[in-house]
Amino acid sequence: MSRPFPPRREFNQGPRINGRIRAREVRVIGVDGEQLGVLLLGDAIRAAQQNGVDLVEVAATANPPVCRLVDFGKFRYEQNKREKESKKHQHGGKLKEVQLSASIDPHDFKTKLQHAVEFLCEDMKVKVALRFRGREMAHTEFGFKVVKNFIQQAAPWGHADNEPRLQGRSINIMLNPLAKNRRAKNPYEIPSDQAAAAESPEPKREDS
């Protein structure tokens, strides 16, 4: 016996677009935000094609469902941007930890720094911890050099709450995010045009 509805997991795969929309009729919002009224699904898809965009279902539970004529890549980018901004407010005051070592590899150092910068750009505090192992305690100056270099590299995005100090076998310092108007731009953030292009679905090939 065939199931009248698709598995529940399909509803978590993002908004339906174009031919994936199931409703017979949809209420359509045009490219410029104008109300185009209730159209048959086929007519709505043709309207999207004429404007060089997609038909995106934005309110699936409405009766009839509400759809927009919009580039799907741009729609997803804007949606993800809003979610990211919302998460930034939730992340405020949270603490993340980055662990270093006295003999850290330059590539690993760069990766740890990237993580710290991204956390600071989301208004999160970053605990930087370096633990000495075995004979490394005989030359703690190497560990201090690594930590001080890390603080210097992260300075455009956050500042240390105190000078690095040895506590037992570890050096621990806290980086606090700078205010947004004093903080450098996140160098690892994907530009909006590239992000939108990455989200855009590949164009369908027409049979010759």
N, C-alpha and C. Protein backbone atom coordinates (compact mmCIF):
# COMPACT_ATOMS: atom_id res chain seq x y z
N MET A 1 0.84 -1.19 0.00
CA MET A 1 0.00 0.00 0.00
C MET A 1 0.88 1.25 0.00
N SER A 2 0.67 2.11 -0.96
CA SER A 2 1.50 3.29 -1.07
C SER A 2 1.11 4.31 -0.01
N ARG A 3 2.09 5.07 0.43
CA ARG A 3 1.85 6.07 1.46
C ARG A 3 1.38 7.36 0.79
N PRO A 4 0.32 8.00 1.31
CA PRO A 4 -0.21 9.21 0.69
C PRO A 4 0.69 10.42 0.88
N PHE A 5 1.60 10.37 1.88
CA PHE A 5 2.46 11.50 2.15
C PHE A 5 3.92 11.02 2.19
N PRO A 6 4.86 11.89 1.88
CA PRO A 6 6.28 11.52 1.92
C PRO A 6 6.75 11.35 3.34
N PRO A 7 7.90 10.67 3.57
CA PRO A 7 8.42 10.52 4.92
C PRO A 7 8.62 11.88 5.57
N ARG A 8 8.50 11.92 6.90
CA ARG A 8 8.58 13.17 7.64
C ARG A 8 9.91 13.87 7.42
N ARG A 9 11.01 13.13 7.22
CA ARG A 9 12.33 13.75 7.10
C ARG A 9 12.43 14.71 5.92
N GLU A 10 11.56 14.56 4.91
CA GLU A 10 11.63 15.44 3.75
C GLU A 10 11.28 16.87 4.11
N PHE A 11 10.49 17.06 5.17
CA PHE A 11 10.08 18.40 5.55
C PHE A 11 11.23 19.19 6.16
N ASN A 12 12.36 18.52 6.46
CA ASN A 12 13.48 19.20 7.08
C ASN A 12 14.57 19.51 6.07
N GLN A 13 14.27 19.40 4.80
CA GLN A 13 15.29 19.60 3.78
C GLN A 13 15.19 20.98 3.15
N GLY A 14 14.54 21.92 3.79
CA GLY A 14 14.45 23.26 3.26
C GLY A 14 13.17 23.45 2.47
N PRO A 15 12.93 24.68 2.01
CA PRO A 15 11.69 24.98 1.28
C PRO A 15 11.64 24.27 -0.07
N ARG A 16 10.43 23.92 -0.49
CA ARG A 16 10.25 23.30 -1.81
C ARG A 16 10.28 24.39 -2.88
N ILE A 17 10.79 24.03 -4.04
CA ILE A 17 10.85 25.00 -5.13
C ILE A 17 10.35 24.36 -6.42
N ASN A 18 9.82 25.21 -7.30
CA ASN A 18 9.41 24.82 -8.64
C ASN A 18 8.58 23.54 -8.65
N GLY A 19 9.03 22.52 -9.36
CA GLY A 19 8.24 21.31 -9.53
C GLY A 19 8.09 20.46 -8.29
N ARG A 20 8.84 20.78 -7.22
CA ARG A 20 8.71 20.01 -5.98
C ARG A 20 7.51 20.47 -5.15
N ILE A 21 6.95 21.62 -5.50
CA ILE A 21 5.78 22.12 -4.79
C ILE A 21 4.57 21.26 -5.14
N ARG A 22 3.77 20.86 -4.16
CA ARG A 22 2.70 19.90 -4.39
C ARG A 22 1.32 20.51 -4.55
N ALA A 23 1.14 21.73 -4.10
CA ALA A 23 -0.19 22.33 -4.13
C ALA A 23 -0.66 22.56 -5.57
N ARG A 24 -1.95 22.48 -5.78
CA ARG A 24 -2.52 22.72 -7.12
C ARG A 24 -2.55 24.21 -7.41
N GLU A 25 -2.84 25.01 -6.38
CA GLU A 25 -2.86 26.46 -6.50
C GLU A 25 -1.97 27.08 -5.42
N VAL A 26 -1.35 28.21 -5.72
CA VAL A 26 -0.49 28.89 -4.76
C VAL A 26 -0.74 30.39 -4.82
N ARG A 27 -0.55 31.03 -3.68
CA ARG A 27 -0.62 32.50 -3.65
C ARG A 27 0.79 33.02 -3.94
N VAL A 28 0.93 33.88 -4.93
CA VAL A 28 2.25 34.25 -5.43
C VAL A 28 2.61 35.70 -5.08
N ILE A 29 3.85 35.86 -4.58
CA ILE A 29 4.43 37.18 -4.35
C ILE A 29 5.48 37.40 -5.44
N GLY A 30 5.37 38.51 -6.15
CA GLY A 30 6.24 38.76 -7.29
C GLY A 30 7.66 39.13 -6.91
N VAL A 31 8.48 39.36 -7.94
CA VAL A 31 9.89 39.67 -7.75
C VAL A 31 10.08 40.94 -6.91
N ASP A 32 9.24 41.93 -7.12
CA ASP A 32 9.36 43.20 -6.40
C ASP A 32 8.49 43.26 -5.15
N GLY A 33 7.95 42.11 -4.74
CA GLY A 33 7.14 42.07 -3.53
C GLY A 33 5.66 42.31 -3.77
N GLU A 34 5.27 42.48 -5.04
CA GLU A 34 3.86 42.73 -5.32
C GLU A 34 3.06 41.43 -5.25
N GLN A 35 1.79 41.54 -4.89
CA GLN A 35 0.91 40.39 -4.79
C GLN A 35 0.36 40.06 -6.18
N LEU A 36 0.61 38.84 -6.65
CA LEU A 36 0.12 38.42 -7.95
C LEU A 36 -1.15 37.59 -7.84
N GLY A 37 -1.60 37.36 -6.62
CA GLY A 37 -2.84 36.62 -6.42
C GLY A 37 -2.64 35.12 -6.41
N VAL A 38 -3.76 34.39 -6.47
CA VAL A 38 -3.73 32.93 -6.46
C VAL A 38 -3.66 32.43 -7.91
N LEU A 39 -2.62 31.62 -8.17
CA LEU A 39 -2.40 31.09 -9.52
C LEU A 39 -2.32 29.57 -9.47
N LEU A 40 -2.66 28.94 -10.60
CA LEU A 40 -2.38 27.52 -10.73
C LEU A 40 -0.87 27.31 -10.67
N LEU A 41 -0.44 26.17 -10.12
CA LEU A 41 0.99 25.93 -9.94
C LEU A 41 1.74 26.07 -11.26
N GLY A 42 1.19 25.52 -12.33
CA GLY A 42 1.87 25.61 -13.63
C GLY A 42 2.05 27.05 -14.08
N ASP A 43 1.03 27.88 -13.87
CA ASP A 43 1.13 29.29 -14.26
C ASP A 43 2.16 30.01 -13.39
N ALA A 44 2.22 29.67 -12.12
CA ALA A 44 3.19 30.30 -11.22
C ALA A 44 4.62 29.94 -11.62
N ILE A 45 4.84 28.68 -11.98
CA ILE A 45 6.18 28.25 -12.41
C ILE A 45 6.57 28.96 -13.70
N ARG A 46 5.63 29.11 -14.62
CA ARG A 46 5.92 29.82 -15.88
C ARG A 46 6.25 31.29 -15.61
N ALA A 47 5.56 31.89 -14.64
CA ALA A 47 5.85 33.28 -14.28
C ALA A 47 7.28 33.41 -13.74
N ALA A 48 7.69 32.42 -12.96
CA ALA A 48 9.06 32.43 -12.43
C ALA A 48 10.07 32.29 -13.56
N GLN A 49 9.80 31.38 -14.49
CA GLN A 49 10.71 31.17 -15.62
C GLN A 49 10.83 32.43 -16.48
N GLN A 50 9.73 33.12 -16.67
CA GLN A 50 9.75 34.35 -17.47
C GLN A 50 10.60 35.44 -16.82
N ASN A 51 10.67 35.41 -15.49
CA ASN A 51 11.47 36.40 -14.77
C ASN A 51 12.88 35.90 -14.47
N GLY A 52 13.20 34.70 -14.93
CA GLY A 52 14.53 34.16 -14.71
C GLY A 52 14.85 33.82 -13.27
N VAL A 53 13.81 33.47 -12.49
CA VAL A 53 14.01 33.14 -11.08
C VAL A 53 13.32 31.81 -10.77
N ASP A 54 13.20 31.50 -9.49
CA ASP A 54 12.55 30.26 -9.05
C ASP A 54 11.25 30.58 -8.33
N LEU A 55 10.39 29.58 -8.26
CA LEU A 55 9.18 29.67 -7.45
C LEU A 55 9.49 28.96 -6.14
N VAL A 56 9.54 29.73 -5.04
CA VAL A 56 9.95 29.19 -3.74
C VAL A 56 8.79 29.23 -2.78
N GLU A 57 8.47 28.09 -2.18
CA GLU A 57 7.38 27.99 -1.21
C GLU A 57 7.86 28.54 0.14
N VAL A 58 7.26 29.64 0.59
CA VAL A 58 7.71 30.29 1.83
C VAL A 58 6.75 30.09 2.99
N ALA A 59 5.53 29.67 2.72
CA ALA A 59 4.55 29.40 3.78
C ALA A 59 3.74 28.18 3.36
N ALA A 60 4.30 27.00 3.63
CA ALA A 60 3.70 25.75 3.17
C ALA A 60 2.38 25.43 3.86
N THR A 61 2.16 25.93 5.09
CA THR A 61 0.96 25.58 5.84
C THR A 61 -0.21 26.52 5.56
N ALA A 62 0.04 27.60 4.81
CA ALA A 62 -1.06 28.51 4.48
C ALA A 62 -2.00 27.84 3.48
N ASN A 63 -3.20 28.37 3.36
CA ASN A 63 -4.18 27.81 2.43
C ASN A 63 -4.72 28.92 1.52
N PRO A 64 -4.26 28.97 0.25
CA PRO A 64 -3.25 28.09 -0.35
C PRO A 64 -1.84 28.49 0.08
N PRO A 65 -0.84 27.61 -0.16
CA PRO A 65 0.54 27.92 0.22
C PRO A 65 1.02 29.21 -0.46
N VAL A 66 1.88 29.94 0.24
CA VAL A 66 2.41 31.19 -0.30
C VAL A 66 3.78 30.93 -0.91
N CYS A 67 3.99 31.43 -2.11
CA CYS A 67 5.25 31.25 -2.82
C CYS A 67 5.79 32.60 -3.29
N ARG A 68 7.11 32.68 -3.42
CA ARG A 68 7.75 33.89 -3.91
C ARG A 68 8.49 33.62 -5.20
N LEU A 69 8.52 34.63 -6.07
CA LEU A 69 9.37 34.58 -7.25
C LEU A 69 10.71 35.18 -6.85
N VAL A 70 11.72 34.33 -6.69
CA VAL A 70 13.01 34.80 -6.19
C VAL A 70 14.10 33.82 -6.61
N ASP A 71 15.31 34.34 -6.78
CA ASP A 71 16.45 33.46 -7.05
C ASP A 71 16.69 32.60 -5.80
N PHE A 72 16.67 31.29 -5.97
CA PHE A 72 16.74 30.40 -4.81
C PHE A 72 18.07 30.54 -4.07
N GLY A 73 19.16 30.73 -4.81
CA GLY A 73 20.46 30.91 -4.15
C GLY A 73 20.46 32.14 -3.27
N LYS A 74 19.91 33.23 -3.77
CA LYS A 74 19.84 34.47 -2.99
C LYS A 74 18.92 34.29 -1.79
N PHE A 75 17.81 33.58 -2.01
CA PHE A 75 16.86 33.34 -0.92
C PHE A 75 17.52 32.56 0.21
N ARG A 76 18.25 31.49 -0.14
CA ARG A 76 18.92 30.68 0.88
C ARG A 76 20.00 31.46 1.60
N TYR A 77 20.73 32.30 0.85
CA TYR A 77 21.79 33.10 1.47
C TYR A 77 21.19 34.06 2.51
N GLU A 78 20.12 34.75 2.13
CA GLU A 78 19.49 35.70 3.05
C GLU A 78 18.93 34.96 4.27
N GLN A 79 18.36 33.78 4.04
CA GLN A 79 17.81 32.98 5.13
C GLN A 79 18.92 32.55 6.09
N ASN A 80 20.03 32.07 5.54
CA ASN A 80 21.15 31.65 6.38
C ASN A 80 21.76 32.83 7.13
N LYS A 81 21.78 34.00 6.48
CA LYS A 81 22.32 35.19 7.12
C LYS A 81 21.48 35.59 8.33
N ARG A 82 20.15 35.52 8.17
CA ARG A 82 19.27 35.85 9.29
C ARG A 82 19.47 34.86 10.45
N GLU A 83 19.61 33.58 10.11
CA GLU A 83 19.81 32.58 11.15
C GLU A 83 21.14 32.80 11.87
N LYS A 84 22.16 33.18 11.09
CA LYS A 84 23.48 33.42 11.68
C LYS A 84 23.44 34.61 12.62
N GLU A 85 22.74 35.68 12.21
CA GLU A 85 22.62 36.85 13.07
C GLU A 85 21.88 36.50 14.36
N SER A 86 20.86 35.65 14.24
CA SER A 86 20.12 35.23 15.42
C SER A 86 21.01 34.43 16.37
N LYS A 87 21.86 33.57 15.80
CA LYS A 87 22.76 32.76 16.62
C LYS A 87 23.80 33.62 17.31
N LYS A 88 24.21 34.71 16.64
CA LYS A 88 25.20 35.60 17.25
C LYS A 88 24.69 36.16 18.56
N HIS A 89 23.40 36.53 18.59
CA HIS A 89 22.82 37.06 19.81
C HIS A 89 22.75 35.98 20.89
N GLN A 90 22.51 34.74 20.46
CA GLN A 90 22.45 33.64 21.41
C GLN A 90 23.83 33.30 21.96
N HIS A 91 24.89 33.50 21.12
CA HIS A 91 26.25 33.14 21.50
C HIS A 91 26.88 34.14 22.45
N GLY A 92 26.33 35.35 22.54
CA GLY A 92 26.92 36.39 23.37
C GLY A 92 27.15 35.90 24.79
N GLY A 93 28.39 36.04 25.28
CA GLY A 93 28.72 35.62 26.64
C GLY A 93 29.17 34.18 26.74
N LYS A 94 29.06 33.40 25.68
CA LYS A 94 29.50 32.01 25.72
C LYS A 94 31.02 31.94 25.68
N LEU A 95 31.54 30.83 26.14
CA LEU A 95 32.99 30.64 26.23
C LEU A 95 33.43 29.47 25.37
N LYS A 96 34.47 29.69 24.57
CA LYS A 96 35.08 28.64 23.77
C LYS A 96 36.53 28.49 24.18
N GLU A 97 37.10 27.32 23.97
CA GLU A 97 38.49 27.08 24.35
C GLU A 97 39.31 26.67 23.15
N VAL A 98 40.51 27.23 23.07
CA VAL A 98 41.47 26.88 22.03
C VAL A 98 42.73 26.38 22.73
N GLN A 99 43.18 25.18 22.37
CA GLN A 99 44.34 24.59 23.02
C GLN A 99 45.56 24.67 22.10
N LEU A 100 46.66 25.14 22.67
CA LEU A 100 47.92 25.26 21.94
C LEU A 100 48.96 24.35 22.58
N SER A 101 50.12 24.28 21.95
CA SER A 101 51.25 23.55 22.52
C SER A 101 52.51 24.34 22.25
N ALA A 102 53.55 24.08 23.04
CA ALA A 102 54.80 24.82 22.90
C ALA A 102 55.48 24.54 21.57
N SER A 103 55.20 23.38 20.99
CA SER A 103 55.83 23.01 19.71
C SER A 103 54.78 22.91 18.60
N ILE A 104 53.80 23.78 18.65
CA ILE A 104 52.70 23.71 17.68
C ILE A 104 53.19 23.96 16.26
N ASP A 105 52.65 23.21 15.32
CA ASP A 105 52.98 23.36 13.91
C ASP A 105 52.38 24.67 13.38
N PRO A 106 53.08 25.39 12.47
CA PRO A 106 52.55 26.65 11.94
C PRO A 106 51.16 26.52 11.33
N HIS A 107 50.89 25.41 10.65
CA HIS A 107 49.57 25.21 10.05
C HIS A 107 48.50 25.05 11.14
N ASP A 108 48.83 24.28 12.19
CA ASP A 108 47.89 24.11 13.29
C ASP A 108 47.65 25.43 14.02
N PHE A 109 48.72 26.21 14.16
CA PHE A 109 48.60 27.52 14.79
C PHE A 109 47.62 28.40 14.01
N LYS A 110 47.75 28.38 12.68
CA LYS A 110 46.87 29.18 11.83
C LYS A 110 45.42 28.72 11.95
N THR A 111 45.21 27.40 12.01
CA THR A 111 43.86 26.86 12.16
C THR A 111 43.25 27.25 13.50
N LYS A 112 44.04 27.15 14.58
CA LYS A 112 43.55 27.54 15.90
C LYS A 112 43.20 29.02 15.93
N LEU A 113 44.04 29.84 15.28
CA LEU A 113 43.79 31.28 15.23
C LEU A 113 42.51 31.57 14.48
N GLN A 114 42.28 30.87 13.38
CA GLN A 114 41.05 31.07 12.61
C GLN A 114 39.84 30.77 13.46
N HIS A 115 39.88 29.67 14.21
CA HIS A 115 38.77 29.32 15.08
C HIS A 115 38.52 30.43 16.12
N ALA A 116 39.61 30.92 16.71
CA ALA A 116 39.48 31.97 17.72
C ALA A 116 38.87 33.24 17.12
N VAL A 117 39.32 33.62 15.94
CA VAL A 117 38.80 34.82 15.28
C VAL A 117 37.31 34.67 15.00
N GLU A 118 36.91 33.50 14.50
CA GLU A 118 35.49 33.27 14.20
C GLU A 118 34.65 33.33 15.48
N PHE A 119 35.16 32.77 16.58
CA PHE A 119 34.43 32.84 17.85
C PHE A 119 34.30 34.28 18.33
N LEU A 120 35.40 35.03 18.25
CA LEU A 120 35.38 36.43 18.69
C LEU A 120 34.42 37.26 17.85
N CYS A 121 34.35 36.96 16.55
CA CYS A 121 33.44 37.69 15.66
C CYS A 121 31.98 37.35 15.94
N GLU A 122 31.75 36.28 16.70
CA GLU A 122 30.39 35.92 17.11
C GLU A 122 30.16 36.31 18.57
N ASP A 123 31.01 37.24 19.05
CA ASP A 123 30.87 37.80 20.41
C ASP A 123 31.03 36.76 21.51
N MET A 124 31.86 35.76 21.26
CA MET A 124 32.14 34.76 22.28
C MET A 124 33.53 34.98 22.87
N LYS A 125 33.68 34.71 24.15
CA LYS A 125 34.99 34.76 24.79
C LYS A 125 35.77 33.51 24.41
N VAL A 126 37.09 33.65 24.36
CA VAL A 126 37.94 32.52 23.98
C VAL A 126 39.01 32.30 25.05
N LYS A 127 39.01 31.11 25.63
CA LYS A 127 40.06 30.74 26.58
C LYS A 127 41.19 30.08 25.79
N VAL A 128 42.38 30.64 25.91
CA VAL A 128 43.56 30.09 25.24
C VAL A 128 44.37 29.35 26.29
N ALA A 129 44.57 28.05 26.05
CA ALA A 129 45.26 27.22 27.03
C ALA A 129 46.44 26.52 26.38
N LEU A 130 47.60 26.61 27.05
CA LEU A 130 48.80 25.89 26.58
C LEU A 130 49.34 25.09 27.76
N ARG A 131 49.47 23.79 27.57
CA ARG A 131 49.96 22.91 28.64
C ARG A 131 51.32 22.35 28.25
N PHE A 132 52.27 22.46 29.17
CA PHE A 132 53.60 21.92 28.93
C PHE A 132 53.63 20.44 29.27
N ARG A 133 54.32 19.69 28.41
CA ARG A 133 54.42 18.24 28.59
C ARG A 133 55.88 17.85 28.82
N GLY A 134 56.08 16.99 29.79
CA GLY A 134 57.41 16.43 30.03
C GLY A 134 58.50 17.47 30.16
N ARG A 135 59.53 17.33 29.31
CA ARG A 135 60.71 18.19 29.39
C ARG A 135 60.45 19.61 28.89
N GLU A 136 59.26 19.87 28.35
CA GLU A 136 58.95 21.23 27.89
C GLU A 136 58.98 22.22 29.05
N MET A 137 58.81 21.73 30.29
CA MET A 137 58.83 22.62 31.46
C MET A 137 60.20 23.25 31.65
N ALA A 138 61.24 22.67 31.06
CA ALA A 138 62.59 23.23 31.19
C ALA A 138 62.78 24.45 30.31
N HIS A 139 61.89 24.64 29.35
CA HIS A 139 62.00 25.78 28.43
C HIS A 139 60.62 26.39 28.22
N THR A 140 60.06 26.91 29.29
CA THR A 140 58.72 27.50 29.20
C THR A 140 58.70 28.74 28.32
N GLU A 141 59.86 29.32 28.03
CA GLU A 141 59.88 30.53 27.21
C GLU A 141 59.30 30.28 25.81
N PHE A 142 59.43 29.04 25.33
CA PHE A 142 58.86 28.73 24.01
C PHE A 142 57.33 28.77 24.06
N GLY A 143 56.76 28.29 25.15
CA GLY A 143 55.32 28.33 25.30
C GLY A 143 54.81 29.76 25.41
N PHE A 144 55.53 30.58 26.19
CA PHE A 144 55.14 31.98 26.33
C PHE A 144 55.21 32.69 24.97
N LYS A 145 56.20 32.35 24.17
CA LYS A 145 56.34 32.96 22.86
C LYS A 145 55.15 32.62 21.97
N VAL A 146 54.70 31.36 22.03
CA VAL A 146 53.54 30.94 21.24
C VAL A 146 52.29 31.69 21.67
N VAL A 147 52.06 31.77 22.99
CA VAL A 147 50.85 32.43 23.49
C VAL A 147 50.86 33.92 23.16
N LYS A 148 52.00 34.59 23.36
CA LYS A 148 52.08 36.02 23.07
C LYS A 148 51.88 36.29 21.58
N ASN A 149 52.40 35.41 20.74
CA ASN A 149 52.20 35.56 19.29
C ASN A 149 50.72 35.39 18.95
N PHE A 150 50.06 34.44 19.62
CA PHE A 150 48.63 34.20 19.39
C PHE A 150 47.81 35.43 19.78
N ILE A 151 48.14 36.02 20.94
CA ILE A 151 47.44 37.22 21.39
C ILE A 151 47.63 38.37 20.39
N GLN A 152 48.86 38.52 19.91
CA GLN A 152 49.16 39.59 18.96
C GLN A 152 48.40 39.40 17.65
N GLN A 153 48.34 38.14 17.16
CA GLN A 153 47.66 37.86 15.91
C GLN A 153 46.15 38.07 16.04
N ALA A 154 45.61 37.82 17.22
CA ALA A 154 44.16 37.95 17.43
C ALA A 154 43.75 39.35 17.87
N ALA A 155 44.71 40.25 18.04
CA ALA A 155 44.43 41.59 18.58
C ALA A 155 43.38 42.39 17.81
N PRO A 156 43.28 42.28 16.47
CA PRO A 156 42.25 43.06 15.76
C PRO A 156 40.82 42.65 16.11
N TRP A 157 40.65 41.49 16.77
CA TRP A 157 39.30 40.99 17.07
C TRP A 157 39.03 40.82 18.56
N GLY A 158 40.09 40.69 19.36
CA GLY A 158 39.89 40.50 20.79
C GLY A 158 41.12 40.88 21.59
N HIS A 159 40.95 41.11 22.88
CA HIS A 159 42.06 41.51 23.74
C HIS A 159 42.14 40.59 24.94
N ALA A 160 43.35 40.37 25.43
CA ALA A 160 43.55 39.51 26.60
C ALA A 160 43.19 40.27 27.87
N ASP A 161 42.62 39.56 28.84
CA ASP A 161 42.22 40.22 30.08
C ASP A 161 43.39 40.41 31.03
N ASN A 162 44.53 39.72 30.77
CA ASN A 162 45.73 39.91 31.60
C ASN A 162 46.95 39.36 30.86
N GLU A 163 48.11 39.51 31.46
CA GLU A 163 49.33 38.99 30.87
C GLU A 163 49.41 37.48 31.07
N PRO A 164 49.99 36.76 30.09
CA PRO A 164 50.12 35.31 30.25
C PRO A 164 50.97 34.97 31.48
N ARG A 165 50.47 34.02 32.27
CA ARG A 165 51.20 33.59 33.47
C ARG A 165 51.18 32.08 33.55
N LEU A 166 52.25 31.55 34.14
CA LEU A 166 52.35 30.11 34.32
C LEU A 166 51.59 29.70 35.56
N GLN A 167 50.66 28.76 35.40
CA GLN A 167 49.89 28.23 36.53
C GLN A 167 50.06 26.71 36.51
N GLY A 168 50.92 26.22 37.40
CA GLY A 168 51.22 24.79 37.37
C GLY A 168 52.02 24.46 36.12
N ARG A 169 51.44 23.64 35.26
CA ARG A 169 52.09 23.28 34.00
C ARG A 169 51.41 23.94 32.81
N SER A 170 50.60 24.94 33.06
CA SER A 170 49.81 25.54 31.97
C SER A 170 49.91 27.06 31.96
N ILE A 171 49.65 27.60 30.76
CA ILE A 171 49.46 29.03 30.58
C ILE A 171 48.02 29.20 30.10
N ASN A 172 47.26 30.00 30.83
CA ASN A 172 45.86 30.23 30.46
C ASN A 172 45.59 31.73 30.39
N ILE A 173 44.99 32.16 29.29
CA ILE A 173 44.58 33.56 29.20
C ILE A 173 43.19 33.60 28.55
N MET A 174 42.48 34.68 28.79
CA MET A 174 41.14 34.84 28.25
C MET A 174 41.14 35.98 27.23
N LEU A 175 40.59 35.71 26.04
CA LEU A 175 40.43 36.74 25.03
C LEU A 175 38.98 37.20 25.02
N ASN A 176 38.77 38.48 25.15
CA ASN A 176 37.43 39.06 25.11
C ASN A 176 37.21 39.75 23.78
N PRO A 177 36.05 39.58 23.16
CA PRO A 177 35.80 40.21 21.85
C PRO A 177 35.77 41.73 21.95
N LEU A 178 36.35 42.38 20.97
CA LEU A 178 36.26 43.83 20.91
C LEU A 178 34.84 44.23 20.50
N ALA A 179 34.49 45.48 20.81
CA ALA A 179 33.19 45.99 20.38
C ALA A 179 33.12 45.97 18.85
N LYS A 180 31.93 45.79 18.31
CA LYS A 180 31.78 45.64 16.86
C LYS A 180 32.35 46.82 16.09
N ASN A 181 32.21 48.03 16.64
CA ASN A 181 32.70 49.20 15.91
C ASN A 181 34.21 49.36 15.99
N ARG A 182 34.86 48.54 16.82
CA ARG A 182 36.33 48.57 16.93
C ARG A 182 36.96 47.30 16.37
N ARG A 183 36.13 46.32 16.06
CA ARG A 183 36.62 45.01 15.65
C ARG A 183 36.85 44.95 14.15
N ALA A 184 37.93 44.31 13.74
CA ALA A 184 38.19 44.13 12.31
C ALA A 184 37.17 43.17 11.71
N LYS A 185 36.99 43.27 10.41
CA LYS A 185 36.06 42.39 9.72
C LYS A 185 36.57 40.96 9.76
N ASN A 186 35.65 40.02 9.83
CA ASN A 186 36.02 38.61 9.84
C ASN A 186 36.64 38.24 8.49
N PRO A 187 37.93 37.93 8.44
CA PRO A 187 38.58 37.63 7.15
C PRO A 187 38.17 36.29 6.57
N TYR A 188 37.51 35.47 7.37
CA TYR A 188 37.13 34.13 6.92
C TYR A 188 35.66 34.06 6.49
N GLU A 189 34.97 35.19 6.55
CA GLU A 189 33.57 35.22 6.14
C GLU A 189 33.47 35.25 4.62
N ILE A 190 32.61 34.42 4.05
CA ILE A 190 32.46 34.34 2.60
C ILE A 190 31.69 35.56 2.11
N PRO A 191 32.21 36.28 1.09
CA PRO A 191 31.48 37.43 0.55
C PRO A 191 30.10 37.04 0.09
N SER A 192 29.14 37.99 0.18
CA SER A 192 27.74 37.69 -0.10
C SER A 192 27.52 37.18 -1.51
N ASP A 193 28.24 37.73 -2.51
CA ASP A 193 28.02 37.29 -3.89
C ASP A 193 28.50 35.86 -4.09
N GLN A 194 29.63 35.51 -3.44
CA GLN A 194 30.13 34.14 -3.56
C GLN A 194 29.24 33.16 -2.82
N ALA A 195 28.74 33.58 -1.65
CA ALA A 195 27.87 32.71 -0.87
C ALA A 195 26.58 32.43 -1.62
N ALA A 196 26.02 33.46 -2.23
CA ALA A 196 24.78 33.29 -2.98
C ALA A 196 25.00 32.38 -4.18
N ALA A 197 26.16 32.54 -4.84
CA ALA A 197 26.46 31.71 -6.00
C ALA A 197 26.62 30.25 -5.59
N ALA A 198 27.22 30.04 -4.41
CA ALA A 198 27.42 28.67 -3.93
C ALA A 198 26.10 28.01 -3.58
N GLU A 199 25.14 28.80 -3.14
CA GLU A 199 23.83 28.26 -2.78
C GLU A 199 22.95 28.01 -3.99
N SER A 200 23.27 28.64 -5.12
CA SER A 200 22.41 28.53 -6.30
C SER A 200 22.44 27.12 -6.86
N PRO A 201 21.30 26.55 -7.16
CA PRO A 201 21.28 25.22 -7.76
C PRO A 201 21.78 25.27 -9.18
N GLU A 202 22.36 24.17 -9.65
CA GLU A 202 22.85 24.12 -11.02
C GLU A 202 21.68 24.23 -11.99
N PRO A 203 21.86 25.01 -13.05
CA PRO A 203 20.77 25.14 -14.01
C PRO A 203 20.46 23.82 -14.69
N LYS A 204 19.16 23.61 -14.92
CA LYS A 204 18.74 22.38 -15.58
C LYS A 204 19.11 22.43 -17.06
N ARG A 205 19.60 21.31 -17.59
CA ARG A 205 19.95 21.23 -18.99
C ARG A 205 18.72 20.89 -19.81
N GLU A 206 18.56 21.62 -20.87
CA GLU A 206 17.43 21.36 -21.75
C GLU A 206 17.86 20.38 -22.83
N ASP A 207 16.99 19.42 -23.08
CA ASP A 207 17.29 18.45 -24.12
C ASP A 207 17.22 19.11 -25.48
N SER A 208 18.19 18.84 -26.30
CA SER A 208 18.21 19.43 -27.64
C SER A 208 17.24 18.70 -28.55
